[in-house]
C-alpha atoms as a PDB file:
ATOM      1  CA  UNK A   1      11.594 -10.364  19.530  1.00  0.00           C
ATOM      2  CA  UNK A   2      11.185  -6.654  20.234  1.00  0.00           C
ATOM      3  CA  UNK A   3      12.450  -4.031  17.833  1.00  0.00           C
ATOM      4  CA  UNK A   4      14.931  -1.443  19.116  1.00  0.00           C
ATOM      5  CA  UNK A   5      17.016   1.349  17.652  1.00  0.00           C
ATOM      6  CA  UNK A   6      20.284   2.559  19.142  1.00  0.00           C
ATOM      7  CA  UNK A   7      21.448   5.981  17.961  1.00  0.00           C
ATOM      8  CA  UNK A   8      23.662   8.879  18.931  1.00  0.00           C
ATOM      9  CA  UNK A   9      21.519  11.606  20.539  1.00  0.00           C
ATOM     10  CA  UNK A  10      22.882  14.134  18.031  1.00  0.00           C
ATOM     11  CA  UNK A  11      20.624  12.460  15.464  1.00  0.00           C
ATOM     12  CA  UNK A  12      17.552  12.825  17.692  1.00  0.00           C
ATOM     13  CA  UNK A  13      15.894  15.650  15.736  1.00  0.00           C
ATOM     14  CA  UNK A  14      16.674  14.084  12.350  1.00  0.00           C
ATOM     15  CA  UNK A  15      14.249  11.729  10.675  1.00  0.00           C
ATOM     16  CA  UNK A  16      15.332   8.152  10.149  1.00  0.00           C
ATOM     17  CA  UNK A  17      14.917   8.787   6.413  1.00  0.00           C
ATOM     18  CA  UNK A  18      17.359  11.719   6.717  1.00  0.00           C
ATOM     19  CA  UNK A  19      19.906   9.471   8.365  1.00  0.00           C
ATOM     20  CA  UNK A  20      19.463   6.736   5.756  1.00  0.00           C
ATOM     21  CA  UNK A  21      19.993   9.319   3.001  1.00  0.00           C
ATOM     22  CA  UNK A  22      23.075  10.632   4.855  1.00  0.00           C
ATOM     23  CA  UNK A  23      24.564   7.131   5.070  1.00  0.00           C
ATOM     24  CA  UNK A  24      23.649   6.327   1.461  1.00  0.00           C
ATOM     25  CA  UNK A  25      25.370   9.476   0.213  1.00  0.00           C
ATOM     26  CA  UNK A  26      28.570   8.416   1.955  1.00  0.00           C
ATOM     27  CA  UNK A  27      28.328   4.816   0.748  1.00  0.00           C
ATOM     28  CA  UNK A  28      27.019   5.511  -2.760  1.00  0.00           C
ATOM     29  CA  UNK A  29      30.466   5.301  -4.335  1.00  0.00           C
ATOM     30  CA  UNK A  30      30.383   1.581  -3.591  1.00  0.00           C
ATOM     31  CA  UNK A  31      28.187   0.021  -6.247  1.00  0.00           C
ATOM     32  CA  UNK A  32      28.781  -3.710  -6.311  1.00  0.00           C
ATOM     33  CA  UNK A  33      31.781  -5.509  -7.720  1.00  0.00           C
ATOM     34  CA  UNK A  34      35.040  -7.212  -6.884  1.00  0.00           C
ATOM     35  CA  UNK A  35      36.079  -4.398  -4.552  1.00  0.00           C
ATOM     36  CA  UNK A  36      32.779  -4.468  -2.661  1.00  0.00           C
ATOM     37  CA  UNK A  37      31.798  -8.059  -2.082  1.00  0.00           C
ATOM     38  CA  UNK A  38      32.183  -7.885   1.686  1.00  0.00           C
ATOM     39  CA  UNK A  39      32.696 -10.887   3.912  1.00  0.00           C
ATOM     40  CA  UNK A  40      31.703 -12.804   7.020  1.00  0.00           C
ATOM     41  CA  UNK A  41      33.232 -12.131  10.423  1.00  0.00           C
ATOM     42  CA  UNK A  42      34.108 -15.755  11.088  1.00  0.00           C
ATOM     43  CA  UNK A  43      33.756 -17.787   7.920  1.00  0.00           C
ATOM     44  CA  UNK A  44      33.911 -17.886   4.124  1.00  0.00           C
ATOM     45  CA  UNK A  45      30.327 -18.587   3.084  1.00  0.00           C
ATOM     46  CA  UNK A  46      28.648 -18.525   6.518  1.00  0.00           C
ATOM     47  CA  UNK A  47      28.980 -16.608   9.765  1.00  0.00           C
ATOM     48  CA  UNK A  48      27.345 -14.566  12.508  1.00  0.00           C
ATOM     49  CA  UNK A  49      27.922 -11.247  10.715  1.00  0.00           C
ATOM     50  CA  UNK A  50      28.289 -10.026   7.162  1.00  0.00           C
ATOM     51  CA  UNK A  51      29.775  -6.594   6.470  1.00  0.00           C
ATOM     52  CA  UNK A  52      31.391  -4.389   3.870  1.00  0.00           C
ATOM     53  CA  UNK A  53      32.679  -0.866   3.389  1.00  0.00           C
ATOM     54  CA  UNK A  54      31.927   1.309   0.388  1.00  0.00           C
ATOM     55  CA  UNK A  55      34.289   0.928  -2.548  1.00  0.00           C
ATOM     56  CA  UNK A  56      36.421   3.650  -4.125  1.00  0.00           C
ATOM     57  CA  UNK A  57      37.843   4.732  -0.790  1.00  0.00           C
ATOM     58  CA  UNK A  58      34.547   5.191   1.079  1.00  0.00           C
ATOM     59  CA  UNK A  59      34.765   4.408   4.800  1.00  0.00           C
ATOM     60  CA  UNK A  60      30.991   4.212   5.226  1.00  0.00           C
ATOM     61  CA  UNK A  61      29.962   0.653   6.002  1.00  0.00           C
ATOM     62  CA  UNK A  62      27.274  -1.655   7.330  1.00  0.00           C
ATOM     63  CA  UNK A  63      27.127  -4.756   9.489  1.00  0.00           C
ATOM     64  CA  UNK A  64      24.357  -7.336   9.033  1.00  0.00           C
ATOM     65  CA  UNK A  65      24.161  -9.475  12.157  1.00  0.00           C
ATOM     66  CA  UNK A  66      22.389 -12.660  13.234  1.00  0.00           C
ATOM     67  CA  UNK A  67      21.561 -13.512  16.840  1.00  0.00           C
ATOM     68  CA  UNK A  68      22.006 -17.173  15.873  1.00  0.00           C
ATOM     69  CA  UNK A  69      25.478 -18.698  15.820  1.00  0.00           C
ATOM     70  CA  UNK A  70      26.622 -18.992  12.196  1.00  0.00           C
ATOM     71  CA  UNK A  71      23.189 -17.678  11.277  1.00  0.00           C
ATOM     72  CA  UNK A  72      23.875 -16.085   7.878  1.00  0.00           C
ATOM     73  CA  UNK A  73      24.821 -18.002   4.726  1.00  0.00           C
ATOM     74  CA  UNK A  74      25.819 -17.233   1.136  1.00  0.00           C
ATOM     75  CA  UNK A  75      25.026 -19.615  -1.733  1.00  0.00           C
ATOM     76  CA  UNK A  76      27.566 -19.897  -4.558  1.00  0.00           C
ATOM     77  CA  UNK A  77      26.885 -22.755  -6.954  1.00  0.00           C
ATOM     78  CA  UNK A  78      29.338 -22.901  -9.882  1.00  0.00           C
ATOM     79  CA  UNK A  79      27.061 -25.417 -11.597  1.00  0.00           C
ATOM     80  CA  UNK A  80      24.390 -22.720 -12.040  1.00  0.00           C
ATOM     81  CA  UNK A  81      24.521 -19.561 -14.181  1.00  0.00           C
ATOM     82  CA  UNK A  82      25.524 -16.457 -12.247  1.00  0.00           C
ATOM     83  CA  UNK A  83      22.133 -14.880 -12.973  1.00  0.00           C
ATOM     84  CA  UNK A  84      20.160 -17.876 -11.674  1.00  0.00           C
ATOM     85  CA  UNK A  85      17.680 -17.045  -8.929  1.00  0.00           C
ATOM     86  CA  UNK A  86      19.164 -19.991  -7.013  1.00  0.00           C
ATOM     87  CA  UNK A  87      22.743 -18.692  -7.189  1.00  0.00           C
ATOM     88  CA  UNK A  88      24.557 -15.847  -5.442  1.00  0.00           C
ATOM     89  CA  UNK A  89      22.050 -15.190  -2.671  1.00  0.00           C
ATOM     90  CA  UNK A  90      22.054 -14.835   1.115  1.00  0.00           C
ATOM     91  CA  UNK A  91      19.773 -16.699   3.494  1.00  0.00           C
ATOM     92  CA  UNK A  92      19.442 -17.444   7.195  1.00  0.00           C
ATOM     93  CA  UNK A  93      18.418 -15.262  10.144  1.00  0.00           C
ATOM     94  CA  UNK A  94      18.926 -11.480  10.015  1.00  0.00           C
ATOM     95  CA  UNK A  95      18.244  -9.749  13.326  1.00  0.00           C
ATOM     96  CA  UNK A  96      20.301  -6.557  13.424  1.00  0.00           C
ATOM     97  CA  UNK A  97      21.711  -4.005  10.992  1.00  0.00           C
ATOM     98  CA  UNK A  98      24.261  -1.350  11.934  1.00  0.00           C
ATOM     99  CA  UNK A  99      25.118   1.543   9.640  1.00  0.00           C
ATOM    100  CA  UNK A 100      28.079   3.813  10.209  1.00  0.00           C
ATOM    101  CA  UNK A 101      31.658   4.715   9.420  1.00  0.00           C
ATOM    102  CA  UNK A 102      35.068   3.009   9.691  1.00  0.00           C
ATOM    103  CA  UNK A 103      34.589  -0.752   9.710  1.00  0.00           C
ATOM    104  CA  UNK A 104      36.874  -2.747  11.979  1.00  0.00           C
ATOM    105  CA  UNK A 105      37.156  -6.318  13.203  1.00  0.00           C
ATOM    106  CA  UNK A 106      36.491  -9.412  11.140  1.00  0.00           C
ATOM    107  CA  UNK A 107      38.869 -12.306  10.595  1.00  0.00           C
ATOM    108  CA  UNK A 108      37.326 -14.271  13.431  1.00  0.00           C
ATOM    109  CA  UNK A 109      36.250 -11.341  15.612  1.00  0.00           C
ATOM    110  CA  UNK A 110      33.071  -9.257  15.604  1.00  0.00           C
ATOM    111  CA  UNK A 111      32.885  -6.345  13.191  1.00  0.00           C
ATOM    112  CA  UNK A 112      32.763  -2.820  14.637  1.00  0.00           C
ATOM    113  CA  UNK A 113      31.860   0.687  13.436  1.00  0.00           C
ATOM    114  CA  UNK A 114      33.439   3.748  15.026  1.00  0.00           C
ATOM    115  CA  UNK A 115      31.360   6.797  13.974  1.00  0.00           C
ATOM    116  CA  UNK A 116      27.896   7.845  12.720  1.00  0.00           C
ATOM    117  CA  UNK A 117      26.532   4.587  14.114  1.00  0.00           C
ATOM    118  CA  UNK A 118      22.853   3.651  14.148  1.00  0.00           C
ATOM    119  CA  UNK A 119      21.757   0.103  14.910  1.00  0.00           C
ATOM    120  CA  UNK A 120      18.342  -1.371  14.129  1.00  0.00           C
ATOM    121  CA  UNK A 121      17.724  -4.527  16.170  1.00  0.00           C
ATOM    122  CA  UNK A 122      14.939  -7.082  16.328  1.00  0.00           C
ATOM    123  CA  UNK A 123      14.367  -7.190  12.553  1.00  0.00           C
ATOM    124  CA  UNK A 124      13.484 -10.886  12.866  1.00  0.00           C
ATOM    125  CA  UNK A 125      13.942 -11.717   9.174  1.00  0.00           C
ATOM    126  CA  UNK A 126      14.524 -15.284   8.047  1.00  0.00           C
ATOM    127  CA  UNK A 127      14.916 -17.216   4.824  1.00  0.00           C
ATOM    128  CA  UNK A 128      15.609 -20.900   4.268  1.00  0.00           C
ATOM    129  CA  UNK A 129      18.069 -22.588   1.939  1.00  0.00           C
ATOM    130  CA  UNK A 130      16.450 -22.565  -1.478  1.00  0.00           C
ATOM    131  CA  UNK A 131      14.739 -19.216  -0.967  1.00  0.00           C
ATOM    132  CA  UNK A 132      16.694 -17.733  -3.853  1.00  0.00           C
ATOM    133  CA  UNK A 133      16.895 -14.013  -4.483  1.00  0.00           C
ATOM    134  CA  UNK A 134      13.331 -13.063  -5.349  1.00  0.00           C
ATOM    135  CA  UNK A 135      11.060 -12.401  -2.377  1.00  0.00           C
ATOM    136  CA  UNK A 136      13.879 -13.164   0.067  1.00  0.00           C
ATOM    137  CA  UNK A 137      13.940 -10.280   2.574  1.00  0.00           C
ATOM    138  CA  UNK A 138      17.256 -11.378   4.065  1.00  0.00           C
ATOM    139  CA  UNK A 139      18.957 -11.247   0.663  1.00  0.00           C
ATOM    140  CA  UNK A 140      17.129  -8.139  -0.531  1.00  0.00           C
ATOM    141  CA  UNK A 141      17.991  -6.175   2.617  1.00  0.00           C
ATOM    142  CA  UNK A 142      21.691  -7.080   2.661  1.00  0.00           C
ATOM    143  CA  UNK A 143      22.219  -6.921  -1.101  1.00  0.00           C
ATOM    144  CA  UNK A 144      20.502  -3.539  -1.186  1.00  0.00           C
ATOM    145  CA  UNK A 145      22.923  -2.244   1.448  1.00  0.00           C
ATOM    146  CA  UNK A 146      25.841  -3.613  -0.581  1.00  0.00           C
ATOM    147  CA  UNK A 147      24.684  -1.310  -3.363  1.00  0.00           C
ATOM    148  CA  UNK A 148      24.236   1.659  -1.054  1.00  0.00           C
ATOM    149  CA  UNK A 149      20.459   1.269  -1.316  1.00  0.00           C
ATOM    150  CA  UNK A 150      18.417   1.342   1.912  1.00  0.00           C
ATOM    151  CA  UNK A 151      14.951   0.857   0.316  1.00  0.00           C
ATOM    152  CA  UNK A 152      14.529  -2.759   1.472  1.00  0.00           C
ATOM    153  CA  UNK A 153      15.719  -1.927   4.991  1.00  0.00           C
ATOM    154  CA  UNK A 154      13.381   1.057   5.123  1.00  0.00           C
ATOM    155  CA  UNK A 155      10.452  -1.131   4.102  1.00  0.00           C
ATOM    156  CA  UNK A 156      11.263  -3.618   6.878  1.00  0.00           C
ATOM    157  CA  UNK A 157      11.514  -0.812   9.437  1.00  0.00           C
ATOM    158  CA  UNK A 158       8.242   0.784   8.362  1.00  0.00           C
ATOM    159  CA  UNK A 159       6.489  -2.568   8.726  1.00  0.00           C
ATOM    160  CA  UNK A 160       7.855  -2.921  12.267  1.00  0.00           C
ATOM    161  CA  UNK A 161       7.175   0.689  13.296  1.00  0.00           C
ATOM    162  CA  UNK A 162       3.594   0.627  12.012  1.00  0.00           C
ATOM    163  CA  UNK A 163       2.468  -1.129  15.199  1.00  0.00           C
ATOM    164  CA  UNK A 164       3.577   1.976  17.120  1.00  0.00           C
ATOM    165  CA  UNK A 165       1.982   4.541  14.822  1.00  0.00           C
ATOM    166  CA  UNK A 166       5.300   5.898  13.522  1.00  0.00           C
ATOM    167  CA  UNK A 167       7.516   5.424  10.494  1.00  0.00           C
ATOM    168  CA  UNK A 168      10.941   6.251   9.112  1.00  0.00           C
ATOM    169  CA  UNK A 169       9.468   9.644   8.145  1.00  0.00           C
ATOM    170  CA  UNK A 170       9.535  10.528  11.867  1.00  0.00           C
ATOM    171  CA  UNK A 171      12.526  11.715  13.869  1.00  0.00           C
ATOM    172  CA  UNK A 172      14.512   9.386  16.063  1.00  0.00           C
ATOM    173  CA  UNK A 173      13.169  11.165  19.145  1.00  0.00           C
ATOM    174  CA  UNK A 174       9.549  10.840  18.000  1.00  0.00           C
ATOM    175  CA  UNK A 175      10.066   7.159  17.258  1.00  0.00           C
ATOM    176  CA  UNK A 176      11.722   6.793  20.673  1.00  0.00           C
ATOM    177  CA  UNK A 177       8.697   8.275  22.410  1.00  0.00           C
ATOM    178  CA  UNK A 178       6.300   6.042  20.465  1.00  0.00           C
ATOM    179  CA  UNK A 179       8.287   2.903  21.205  1.00  0.00           C
ATOM    180  CA  UNK A 180       8.547   3.828  24.875  1.00  0.00           C
ATOM    181  CA  UNK A 181       4.771   4.284  25.022  1.00  0.00           C
ATOM    182  CA  UNK A 182       4.257   0.809  23.621  1.00  0.00           C
ATOM    183  CA  UNK A 183       2.518  -0.610  20.580  1.00  0.00           C
ATOM    184  CA  UNK A 184      -0.957   0.388  19.536  1.00  0.00           C
ATOM    185  CA  UNK A 185      -1.849  -3.303  19.383  1.00  0.00           C
ATOM    186  CA  UNK A 186       0.490  -6.017  20.692  1.00  0.00           C
ATOM    187  CA  UNK A 187       4.222  -6.594  21.178  1.00  0.00           C
ATOM    188  CA  UNK A 188       6.844  -4.469  22.827  1.00  0.00           C
ATOM    189  CA  UNK A 189       9.846  -2.386  21.881  1.00  0.00           C
ATOM    190  CA  UNK A 190      12.357   0.038  23.211  1.00  0.00           C
ATOM    191  CA  UNK A 191      14.688   2.623  21.770  1.00  0.00           C
ATOM    192  CA  UNK A 192      17.909   3.645  23.428  1.00  0.00           C
ATOM    193  CA  UNK A 193      20.144   6.652  22.638  1.00  0.00           C
ATOM    194  CA  UNK A 194      23.795   5.866  23.219  1.00  0.00           C
ATOM    195  CA  UNK A 195      26.217   8.828  23.446  1.00  0.00           C
ATOM    196  CA  UNK A 196      29.364   8.221  21.414  1.00  0.00           C
ATOM    197  CA  UNK A 197      31.149  11.444  22.420  1.00  0.00           C
ATOM    198  CA  UNK A 198      31.861  12.396  18.828  1.00  0.00           C
ATOM    199  CA  UNK A 199      32.253  16.156  18.443  1.00  0.00           C
ATOM    200  CA  UNK A 200      31.774  16.543  14.734  1.00  0.00           C
ATOM    201  CA  UNK A 201      28.782  14.335  13.983  1.00  0.00           C
ATOM    202  CA  UNK A 202      26.330  16.138  11.713  1.00  0.00           C
ATOM    203  CA  UNK A 203      23.910  15.126   9.008  1.00  0.00           C
ATOM    204  CA  UNK A 204      24.803  16.333   5.564  1.00  0.00           C
ATOM    205  CA  UNK A 205      22.623  19.199   4.410  1.00  0.00           C
END
């Protein structure tokens, strides 16, 4: 699967790291707890999408999406301690992550984001039942986002972008040009800027 990034052109001269820091700042009030456990778009412990908004009134949010039907799963085993590596973890197929503002949908319909939206597609992460928390990129990426921490996502992106000679240290436009030119070795990718017609989008200083 090819990697792609969809972004508002207003972010074109900003680095991907700048955007991730911008989103994190807005989401950082969330932490992780009863008010920030998130949920699946079409199920209780499994679904196509998993999403949550920041807690404490934050409207910043993320959507973790699988291209496979019912492709993401959460393990809750009351017979195991809460801190067990085999309890409270996510597994399945994670293909796309969207970061943005104002989460909508759910309850049987796809989640949506209305503003500040950037979508990273073609992540191609997978973990099987029994993977646990440790070394499970699906869990680490989503759980990190639940905490307002983009480190795991950034690591995944840098691994994917390396084939094109760019990284999250580069601007969206530079990454776009590199992806359009093609990989330095094998594979293919594309990056598309999608205007959202939002007048007041701006990265925080």
